[in-house]
PDB file of N, CA and C in Angstrom:
ATOM      1  N   UNK A   1      -1.199 -22.328  81.359  1.00  0.00           N
ATOM      2  CA  UNK A   1      -0.646 -21.021  82.140  1.00  0.00           C
ATOM      3  C   UNK A   1      -0.353 -21.056  83.289  1.00  0.00           C
ATOM      4  N   UNK A   2       0.821 -20.666  83.911  1.00  0.00           N
ATOM      5  CA  UNK A   2       0.815 -20.821  85.156  1.00  0.00           C
ATOM      6  C   UNK A   2      -0.111 -19.749  86.159  1.00  0.00           C
ATOM      7  N   UNK A   3      -0.737 -19.533  86.916  1.00  0.00           N
ATOM      8  CA  UNK A   3      -1.426 -18.689  87.838  1.00  0.00           C
ATOM      9  C   UNK A   3      -0.165 -17.896  88.655  1.00  0.00           C
ATOM     10  N   UNK A   4      -0.672 -16.469  89.077  1.00  0.00           N
ATOM     11  CA  UNK A   4      -0.198 -15.843  89.643  1.00  0.00           C
ATOM     12  C   UNK A   4       0.481 -16.687  90.450  1.00  0.00           C
ATOM     13  N   UNK A   5      -0.153 -16.371  91.407  1.00  0.00           N
ATOM     14  CA  UNK A   5      -0.120 -17.257  92.653  1.00  0.00           C
ATOM     15  C   UNK A   5       1.182 -18.021  92.852  1.00  0.00           C
ATOM     16  N   UNK A   6       1.107 -19.405  91.793  1.00  0.00           N
ATOM     17  CA  UNK A   6       1.864 -20.313  90.910  1.00  0.00           C
ATOM     18  C   UNK A   6       2.870 -19.310  91.113  1.00  0.00           C
ATOM     19  N   UNK A   7       3.303 -18.963  89.789  1.00  0.00           N
ATOM     20  CA  UNK A   7       4.705 -17.703  89.983  1.00  0.00           C
ATOM     21  C   UNK A   7       5.280 -17.111  91.239  1.00  0.00           C
ATOM     22  N   UNK A   8       4.491 -16.666  91.956  1.00  0.00           N
ATOM     23  CA  UNK A   8       4.565 -16.076  93.208  1.00  0.00           C
ATOM     24  C   UNK A   8       5.243 -17.394  94.040  1.00  0.00           C
ATOM     25  N   UNK A   9       4.862 -17.815  94.565  1.00  0.00           N
ATOM     26  CA  UNK A   9       5.357 -19.247  95.100  1.00  0.00           C
ATOM     27  C   UNK A   9       6.656 -19.545  94.544  1.00  0.00           C
ATOM     28  N   UNK A  10       6.748 -19.711  93.162  1.00  0.00           N
ATOM     29  CA  UNK A  10       7.995 -20.104  93.304  1.00  0.00           C
ATOM     30  C   UNK A  10       9.245 -18.625  92.629  1.00  0.00           C
ATOM     31  N   UNK A  11       8.601 -17.919  92.936  1.00  0.00           N
ATOM     32  CA  UNK A  11       9.390 -16.660  93.226  1.00  0.00           C
ATOM     33  C   UNK A  11      10.158 -17.089  94.031  1.00  0.00           C
ATOM     34  N   UNK A  12       9.202 -17.007  95.338  1.00  0.00           N
ATOM     35  CA  UNK A  12       9.756 -17.053  96.512  1.00  0.00           C
ATOM     36  C   UNK A  12      10.211 -17.773  96.917  1.00  0.00           C
ATOM     37  N   UNK A  13      10.152 -19.813  96.412  1.00  0.00           N
ATOM     38  CA  UNK A  13      11.411 -20.251  96.395  1.00  0.00           C
ATOM     39  C   UNK A  13      13.007 -20.263  95.937  1.00  0.00           C
ATOM     40  N   UNK A  14      12.598 -19.222  94.981  1.00  0.00           N
ATOM     41  CA  UNK A  14      14.207 -19.528  94.175  1.00  0.00           C
ATOM     42  C   UNK A  14      15.063 -18.141  95.162  1.00  0.00           C
ATOM     43  N   UNK A  15      14.889 -17.869  96.499  1.00  0.00           N
ATOM     44  CA  UNK A  15      14.731 -16.513  97.191  1.00  0.00           C
ATOM     45  C   UNK A  15      15.615 -17.271  98.382  1.00  0.00           C
ATOM     46  N   UNK A  16      16.666 -16.719  98.719  1.00  0.00           N
ATOM     47  CA  UNK A  16      17.333 -16.999 100.060  1.00  0.00           C
ATOM     48  C   UNK A  16      16.576 -17.243 101.394  1.00  0.00           C
ATOM     49  N   UNK A  17      17.171 -18.437 102.085  1.00  0.00           N
ATOM     50  CA  UNK A  17      16.237 -18.112 103.471  1.00  0.00           C
ATOM     51  C   UNK A  17      16.119 -16.451 104.299  1.00  0.00           C
ATOM     52  N   UNK A  18      17.531 -15.828 104.040  1.00  0.00           N
ATOM     53  CA  UNK A  18      17.456 -14.558 104.448  1.00  0.00           C
ATOM     54  C   UNK A  18      16.722 -13.060 103.739  1.00  0.00           C
ATOM     55  N   UNK A  19      16.103 -13.731 102.677  1.00  0.00           N
ATOM     56  CA  UNK A  19      15.598 -12.593 101.855  1.00  0.00           C
ATOM     57  C   UNK A  19      14.108 -11.929 103.066  1.00  0.00           C
ATOM     58  N   UNK A  20      14.705 -10.896 102.689  1.00  0.00           N
ATOM     59  CA  UNK A  20      13.643  -9.693 103.314  1.00  0.00           C
ATOM     60  C   UNK A  20      12.008  -9.538 102.243  1.00  0.00           C
ATOM     61  N   UNK A  21      11.418  -8.515 103.095  1.00  0.00           N
ATOM     62  CA  UNK A  21       9.629  -8.428 102.805  1.00  0.00           C
ATOM     63  C   UNK A  21      10.243  -7.357 101.638  1.00  0.00           C
ATOM     64  N   UNK A  22      11.372  -6.303 101.526  1.00  0.00           N
ATOM     65  CA  UNK A  22      11.911  -5.656 100.591  1.00  0.00           C
ATOM     66  C   UNK A  22      12.293  -6.467  98.989  1.00  0.00           C
ATOM     67  N   UNK A  23      13.109  -7.624  99.992  1.00  0.00           N
ATOM     68  CA  UNK A  23      13.709  -8.423  98.358  1.00  0.00           C
ATOM     69  C   UNK A  23      12.067  -9.005  97.273  1.00  0.00           C
ATOM     70  N   UNK A  24      11.909  -9.529  98.346  1.00  0.00           N
ATOM     71  CA  UNK A  24      10.639 -10.045  98.205  1.00  0.00           C
ATOM     72  C   UNK A  24       9.453  -8.970  97.198  1.00  0.00           C
ATOM     73  N   UNK A  25       9.242  -7.875  97.779  1.00  0.00           N
ATOM     74  CA  UNK A  25       8.440  -6.885  96.767  1.00  0.00           C
ATOM     75  C   UNK A  25       9.047  -6.508  95.769  1.00  0.00           C
ATOM     76  N   UNK A  26      10.718  -6.153  96.215  1.00  0.00           N
ATOM     77  CA  UNK A  26      11.297  -6.454  94.898  1.00  0.00           C
ATOM     78  C   UNK A  26      10.900  -6.600  93.383  1.00  0.00           C
ATOM     79  N   UNK A  27      11.136  -8.601  93.888  1.00  0.00           N
ATOM     80  CA  UNK A  27      11.442  -9.168  93.161  1.00  0.00           C
ATOM     81  C   UNK A  27       9.592  -9.826  92.555  1.00  0.00           C
ATOM     82  N   UNK A  28       8.895  -9.247  93.374  1.00  0.00           N
ATOM     83  CA  UNK A  28       7.468  -8.981  92.334  1.00  0.00           C
ATOM     84  C   UNK A  28       7.468  -7.981  91.069  1.00  0.00           C
ATOM     85  N   UNK A  29       8.010  -7.122  92.202  1.00  0.00           N
ATOM     86  CA  UNK A  29       7.616  -5.471  90.722  1.00  0.00           C
ATOM     87  C   UNK A  29       8.555  -5.757  89.375  1.00  0.00           C
ATOM     88  N   UNK A  30       9.522  -6.253  89.499  1.00  0.00           N
ATOM     89  CA  UNK A  30      11.012  -6.598  88.502  1.00  0.00           C
ATOM     90  C   UNK A  30       9.655  -7.309  87.427  1.00  0.00           C
ATOM     91  N   UNK A  31       9.431  -8.688  88.193  1.00  0.00           N
ATOM     92  CA  UNK A  31       8.791  -9.840  87.417  1.00  0.00           C
ATOM     93  C   UNK A  31       7.295  -9.455  86.732  1.00  0.00           C
ATOM     94  N   UNK A  32       6.740  -8.377  87.930  1.00  0.00           N
ATOM     95  CA  UNK A  32       5.042  -7.605  86.818  1.00  0.00           C
ATOM     96  C   UNK A  32       5.623  -6.765  85.684  1.00  0.00           C
ATOM     97  N   UNK A  33       6.894  -5.865  85.960  1.00  0.00           N
ATOM     98  CA  UNK A  33       7.644  -4.825  85.010  1.00  0.00           C
ATOM     99  C   UNK A  33       7.912  -5.585  83.904  1.00  0.00           C
ATOM    100  N   UNK A  34       8.049  -6.982  84.035  1.00  0.00           N
ATOM    101  CA  UNK A  34       8.579  -7.842  82.512  1.00  0.00           C
ATOM    102  C   UNK A  34       7.783  -8.612  81.851  1.00  0.00           C
ATOM    103  N   UNK A  35       6.760  -9.059  82.862  1.00  0.00           N
ATOM    104  CA  UNK A  35       5.145  -9.141  81.976  1.00  0.00           C
ATOM    105  C   UNK A  35       4.755  -8.262  81.550  1.00  0.00           C
ATOM    106  N   UNK A  36       4.479  -6.786  81.694  1.00  0.00           N
ATOM    107  CA  UNK A  36       4.182  -5.883  81.001  1.00  0.00           C
ATOM    108  C   UNK A  36       5.310  -5.753  79.779  1.00  0.00           C
ATOM    109  N   UNK A  37       5.820  -5.589  80.081  1.00  0.00           N
ATOM    110  CA  UNK A  37       6.463  -5.612  78.849  1.00  0.00           C
ATOM    111  C   UNK A  37       6.461  -6.701  77.785  1.00  0.00           C
ATOM    112  N   UNK A  38       6.133  -7.813  78.208  1.00  0.00           N
ATOM    113  CA  UNK A  38       6.319  -8.610  77.083  1.00  0.00           C
ATOM    114  C   UNK A  38       4.541  -8.913  76.684  1.00  0.00           C
ATOM    115  N   UNK A  39       3.907  -8.498  77.144  1.00  0.00           N
ATOM    116  CA  UNK A  39       2.223  -8.401  77.007  1.00  0.00           C
ATOM    117  C   UNK A  39       2.136  -7.118  75.584  1.00  0.00           C
ATOM    118  N   UNK A  40       2.978  -5.653  75.920  1.00  0.00           N
ATOM    119  CA  UNK A  40       3.096  -5.230  75.222  1.00  0.00           C
ATOM    120  C   UNK A  40       3.530  -5.445  74.409  1.00  0.00           C
ATOM    121  N   UNK A  41       4.602  -6.318  73.889  1.00  0.00           N
ATOM    122  CA  UNK A  41       5.175  -6.682  72.094  1.00  0.00           C
ATOM    123  C   UNK A  41       4.564  -7.485  72.043  1.00  0.00           C
ATOM    124  N   UNK A  42       3.748  -8.310  72.840  1.00  0.00           N
ATOM    125  CA  UNK A  42       2.255  -9.830  72.137  1.00  0.00           C
ATOM    126  C   UNK A  42       1.697  -8.766  71.572  1.00  0.00           C
ATOM    127  N   UNK A  43       1.240  -7.536  72.064  1.00  0.00           N
ATOM    128  CA  UNK A  43       0.121  -6.570  71.422  1.00  0.00           C
ATOM    129  C   UNK A  43       0.629  -5.624  69.818  1.00  0.00           C
ATOM    130  N   UNK A  44       1.364  -5.520  70.154  1.00  0.00           N
ATOM    131  CA  UNK A  44       2.051  -4.800  68.666  1.00  0.00           C
ATOM    132  C   UNK A  44       2.083  -3.343  69.446  1.00  0.00           C
ATOM    133  N   UNK A  45       2.479  -3.450  71.062  1.00  0.00           N
ATOM    134  CA  UNK A  45       2.449  -1.736  71.438  1.00  0.00           C
ATOM    135  C   UNK A  45       3.926  -1.090  71.521  1.00  0.00           C
ATOM    136  N   UNK A  46       4.436  -1.251  70.286  1.00  0.00           N
ATOM    137  CA  UNK A  46       6.052  -0.934  70.939  1.00  0.00           C
ATOM    138  C   UNK A  46       6.331   0.100  70.352  1.00  0.00           C
ATOM    139  N   UNK A  47       7.559   0.910  70.125  1.00  0.00           N
ATOM    140  CA  UNK A  47       7.729   1.755  68.433  1.00  0.00           C
ATOM    141  C   UNK A  47       9.633   1.373  68.568  1.00  0.00           C
ATOM    142  N   UNK A  48      10.501   1.726  67.425  1.00  0.00           N
ATOM    143  CA  UNK A  48      11.687   1.135  66.416  1.00  0.00           C
ATOM    144  C   UNK A  48      12.565   2.135  68.316  1.00  0.00           C
ATOM    145  N   UNK A  49      13.394   1.234  68.014  1.00  0.00           N
ATOM    146  CA  UNK A  49      14.878   2.111  68.482  1.00  0.00           C
ATOM    147  C   UNK A  49      14.957   3.334  68.050  1.00  0.00           C
ATOM    148  N   UNK A  50      14.802   3.588  66.336  1.00  0.00           N
ATOM    149  CA  UNK A  50      14.911   5.133  66.372  1.00  0.00           C
ATOM    150  C   UNK A  50      13.968   6.071  66.447  1.00  0.00           C
ATOM    151  N   UNK A  51      12.853   5.741  66.888  1.00  0.00           N
ATOM    152  CA  UNK A  51      11.200   6.488  67.353  1.00  0.00           C
ATOM    153  C   UNK A  51      11.578   6.320  68.451  1.00  0.00           C
ATOM    154  N   UNK A  52      12.509   5.845  69.779  1.00  0.00           N
ATOM    155  CA  UNK A  52      12.575   6.440  70.850  1.00  0.00           C
ATOM    156  C   UNK A  52      13.646   7.117  71.220  1.00  0.00           C
ATOM    157  N   UNK A  53      14.517   6.926  70.147  1.00  0.00           N
ATOM    158  CA  UNK A  53      15.760   8.656  70.289  1.00  0.00           C
ATOM    159  C   UNK A  53      15.303   9.389  69.859  1.00  0.00           C
ATOM    160  N   UNK A  54      14.370   9.543  68.930  1.00  0.00           N
ATOM    161  CA  UNK A  54      13.541  11.149  68.964  1.00  0.00           C
ATOM    162  C   UNK A  54      13.020  11.564  70.061  1.00  0.00           C
ATOM    163  N   UNK A  55      12.010  10.392  70.445  1.00  0.00           N
ATOM    164  CA  UNK A  55      10.799  11.376  70.993  1.00  0.00           C
ATOM    165  C   UNK A  55      11.927  11.149  73.112  1.00  0.00           C
ATOM    166  N   UNK A  56      12.913  11.005  73.082  1.00  0.00           N
ATOM    167  CA  UNK A  56      14.365  11.006  74.288  1.00  0.00           C
ATOM    168  C   UNK A  56      15.104  12.093  73.633  1.00  0.00           C
ATOM    169  N   UNK A  57      15.423  12.153  72.472  1.00  0.00           N
ATOM    170  CA  UNK A  57      16.550  13.381  72.272  1.00  0.00           C
ATOM    171  C   UNK A  57      15.861  14.319  71.518  1.00  0.00           C
ATOM    172  N   UNK A  58      14.814  14.705  70.569  1.00  0.00           N
ATOM    173  CA  UNK A  58      14.039  15.267  70.277  1.00  0.00           C
ATOM    174  C   UNK A  58      15.137  14.933  68.912  1.00  0.00           C
ATOM    175  N   UNK A  59      15.067  16.111  67.789  1.00  0.00           N
ATOM    176  CA  UNK A  59      15.525  15.763  66.338  1.00  0.00           C
ATOM    177  C   UNK A  59      17.118  15.936  66.416  1.00  0.00           C
ATOM    178  N   UNK A  60      18.016  15.925  67.725  1.00  0.00           N
ATOM    179  CA  UNK A  60      19.206  15.994  67.927  1.00  0.00           C
ATOM    180  C   UNK A  60      19.760  14.936  67.389  1.00  0.00           C
ATOM    181  N   UNK A  61      21.010  14.988  66.777  1.00  0.00           N
ATOM    182  CA  UNK A  61      21.398  14.114  65.879  1.00  0.00           C
ATOM    183  C   UNK A  61      22.968  13.091  67.267  1.00  0.00           C
TER     184      UNK A  61
END
């Protein structure tokens, strides 16, 4: 399993030389959010599409 430092290093290496600090922070943010989502899925912390619709839209069809 890769460490956070290894993942960060790879992420930075993939960015263009013109990347700004904001670009780097954004990439870290997106990577962290994706990882959080994957962890939630593996732990079974998900809801169905229909349940999400109900929560967002109420009982409107």
